[in-house]
C-alpha atoms as a PDB file:
ATOM      1  CA  MET A   1      41.641   5.302  57.835  1.00  0.00           C
ATOM      2  CA  ALA A   2      39.734   2.090  57.269  1.00  0.00           C
ATOM      3  CA  GLN A   3      36.480   1.319  58.989  1.00  0.00           C
ATOM      4  CA  THR A   4      36.828  -0.724  62.188  1.00  0.00           C
ATOM      5  CA  LEU A   5      36.450  -4.401  61.414  1.00  0.00           C
ATOM      6  CA  LYS A   6      33.923  -6.384  63.404  1.00  0.00           C
ATOM      7  CA  ILE A   7      35.842  -9.207  65.016  1.00  0.00           C
ATOM      8  CA  SER A   8      34.834 -11.576  67.781  1.00  0.00           C
ATOM      9  CA  ALA A   9      36.479 -11.727  71.186  1.00  0.00           C
ATOM     10  CA  GLU A  10      37.964 -15.061  70.101  1.00  0.00           C
ATOM     11  CA  GLU A  11      39.456 -13.522  66.955  1.00  0.00           C
ATOM     12  CA  ARG A  12      40.847 -10.617  68.984  1.00  0.00           C
ATOM     13  CA  ALA A  13      42.459 -13.050  71.449  1.00  0.00           C
ATOM     14  CA  LYS A  14      43.912 -15.083  68.551  1.00  0.00           C
ATOM     15  CA  ARG A  15      45.353 -11.938  66.965  1.00  0.00           C
ATOM     16  CA  TYR A  16      46.975 -10.883  70.235  1.00  0.00           C
ATOM     17  CA  SER A  17      48.400 -14.385  70.675  1.00  0.00           C
ATOM     18  CA  ASP A  18      49.751 -14.329  67.114  1.00  0.00           C
ATOM     19  CA  MET A  19      51.238 -10.886  67.724  1.00  0.00           C
ATOM     20  CA  GLU A  20      52.964 -12.006  70.932  1.00  0.00           C
ATOM     21  CA  GLN A  21      54.402 -15.065  69.175  1.00  0.00           C
ATOM     22  CA  ALA A  22      55.688 -12.932  66.296  1.00  0.00           C
ATOM     23  CA  LEU A  23      57.246 -10.420  68.688  1.00  0.00           C
ATOM     24  CA  ALA A  24      58.884 -13.230  70.667  1.00  0.00           C
ATOM     25  CA  SER A  25      60.332 -14.636  67.445  1.00  0.00           C
ATOM     26  CA  VAL A  26      61.750 -11.247  66.446  1.00  0.00           C
ATOM     27  CA  ARG A  27      63.227 -10.801  69.911  1.00  0.00           C
ATOM     28  CA  LEU A  28      64.891 -14.215  69.682  1.00  0.00           C
ATOM     29  CA  GLU A  29      66.667 -12.837  66.617  1.00  0.00           C
ATOM     30  CA  GLY A  30      68.037 -10.052  68.800  1.00  0.00           C
ATOM     31  CA  LEU A  31      65.742  -7.324  67.500  1.00  0.00           C
ATOM     32  CA  GLU A  32      63.323  -5.123  69.390  1.00  0.00           C
ATOM     33  CA  PRO A  33      60.353  -3.665  67.492  1.00  0.00           C
ATOM     34  CA  GLY A  34      59.751   0.030  68.030  1.00  0.00           C
ATOM     35  CA  ALA A  35      56.705   1.485  69.723  1.00  0.00           C
ATOM     36  CA  GLU A  36      55.212   2.607  66.393  1.00  0.00           C
ATOM     37  CA  ALA A  37      55.439  -0.901  64.927  1.00  0.00           C
ATOM     38  CA  ILE A  38      53.897  -2.451  68.029  1.00  0.00           C
ATOM     39  CA  ALA A  39      51.073   0.106  67.870  1.00  0.00           C
ATOM     40  CA  ILE A  40      50.348  -0.944  64.272  1.00  0.00           C
ATOM     41  CA  TYR A  41      50.200  -4.610  65.306  1.00  0.00           C
ATOM     42  CA  GLN A  42      47.899  -3.726  68.207  1.00  0.00           C
ATOM     43  CA  ARG A  43      45.560  -1.850  65.849  1.00  0.00           C
ATOM     44  CA  HIS A  44      45.338  -5.031  63.782  1.00  0.00           C
ATOM     45  CA  ALA A  45      44.736  -7.158  66.878  1.00  0.00           C
ATOM     46  CA  GLU A  46      41.926  -4.806  67.928  1.00  0.00           C
ATOM     47  CA  GLY A  47      40.279  -5.042  64.503  1.00  0.00           C
ATOM     48  CA  GLU A  48      40.962  -1.427  63.563  1.00  0.00           C
ATOM     49  CA  ILE A  49      42.897  -2.369  60.426  1.00  0.00           C
ATOM     50  CA  SER A  50      43.246  -5.472  58.280  1.00  0.00           C
ATOM     51  CA  LEU A  51      46.427  -7.519  58.073  1.00  0.00           C
ATOM     52  CA  GLU A  52      47.054  -6.064  54.610  1.00  0.00           C
ATOM     53  CA  GLU A  53      46.695  -2.505  55.938  1.00  0.00           C
ATOM     54  CA  ALA A  54      49.044  -3.326  58.815  1.00  0.00           C
ATOM     55  CA  GLY A  55      51.599  -4.645  56.315  1.00  0.00           C
ATOM     56  CA  ARG A  56      51.383  -1.448  54.257  1.00  0.00           C
ATOM     57  CA  GLU A  57      51.795   0.703  57.365  1.00  0.00           C
ATOM     58  CA  ILE A  58      54.836  -1.319  58.470  1.00  0.00           C
ATOM     59  CA  GLU A  59      56.346  -0.896  54.990  1.00  0.00           C
ATOM     60  CA  LYS A  60      55.813   2.891  55.205  1.00  0.00           C
ATOM     61  CA  LEU A  61      57.379   2.952  58.657  1.00  0.00           C
ATOM     62  CA  ASN A  62      60.373   0.949  57.450  1.00  0.00           C
ATOM     63  CA  ASP A  63      60.734   3.134  54.353  1.00  0.00           C
ATOM     64  CA  ARG A  64      60.724   6.230  56.555  1.00  0.00           C
ATOM     65  CA  ASP A  65      63.230   4.824  59.033  1.00  0.00           C
ATOM     66  CA  PHE A  66      65.503   2.808  56.731  1.00  0.00           C
ATOM     67  CA  GLY A  67      64.690   3.746  53.135  1.00  0.00           C
ATOM     68  CA  PRO A  68      62.908   1.522  50.617  1.00  0.00           C
ATOM     69  CA  LEU A  69      64.071  -2.058  50.529  1.00  0.00           C
ATOM     70  CA  ARG A  70      64.256  -3.355  46.983  1.00  0.00           C
ATOM     71  CA  LEU A  71      64.030  -7.103  46.611  1.00  0.00           C
ATOM     72  CA  PRO A  72      63.219  -9.088  43.492  1.00  0.00           C
ATOM     73  CA  GLY A  73      59.488  -9.674  43.360  1.00  0.00           C
ATOM     74  CA  ASN A  74      58.363  -7.323  46.132  1.00  0.00           C
ATOM     75  CA  GLY A  75      57.105  -4.717  43.653  1.00  0.00           C
ATOM     76  CA  ARG A  76      58.870  -1.876  45.447  1.00  0.00           C
ATOM     77  CA  SER A  77      61.425  -0.726  42.913  1.00  0.00           C
END
């Protein structure tokens, strides 16, 4: 696991706000993120992992739950 990032209280608050806005947007689409996905986003908000690491973990979670998604240009073929 990556080393904990040093982030300020302001950055942490911004990350939580961004996370809540993203979750609200997803919910408006009629979807509900699972507990594992929310935990990944919280780890990012807390500074435990970078945004890039969070993205990779979400991709692994999606691959496990739904199989790899192959789109042109996403490098996951």
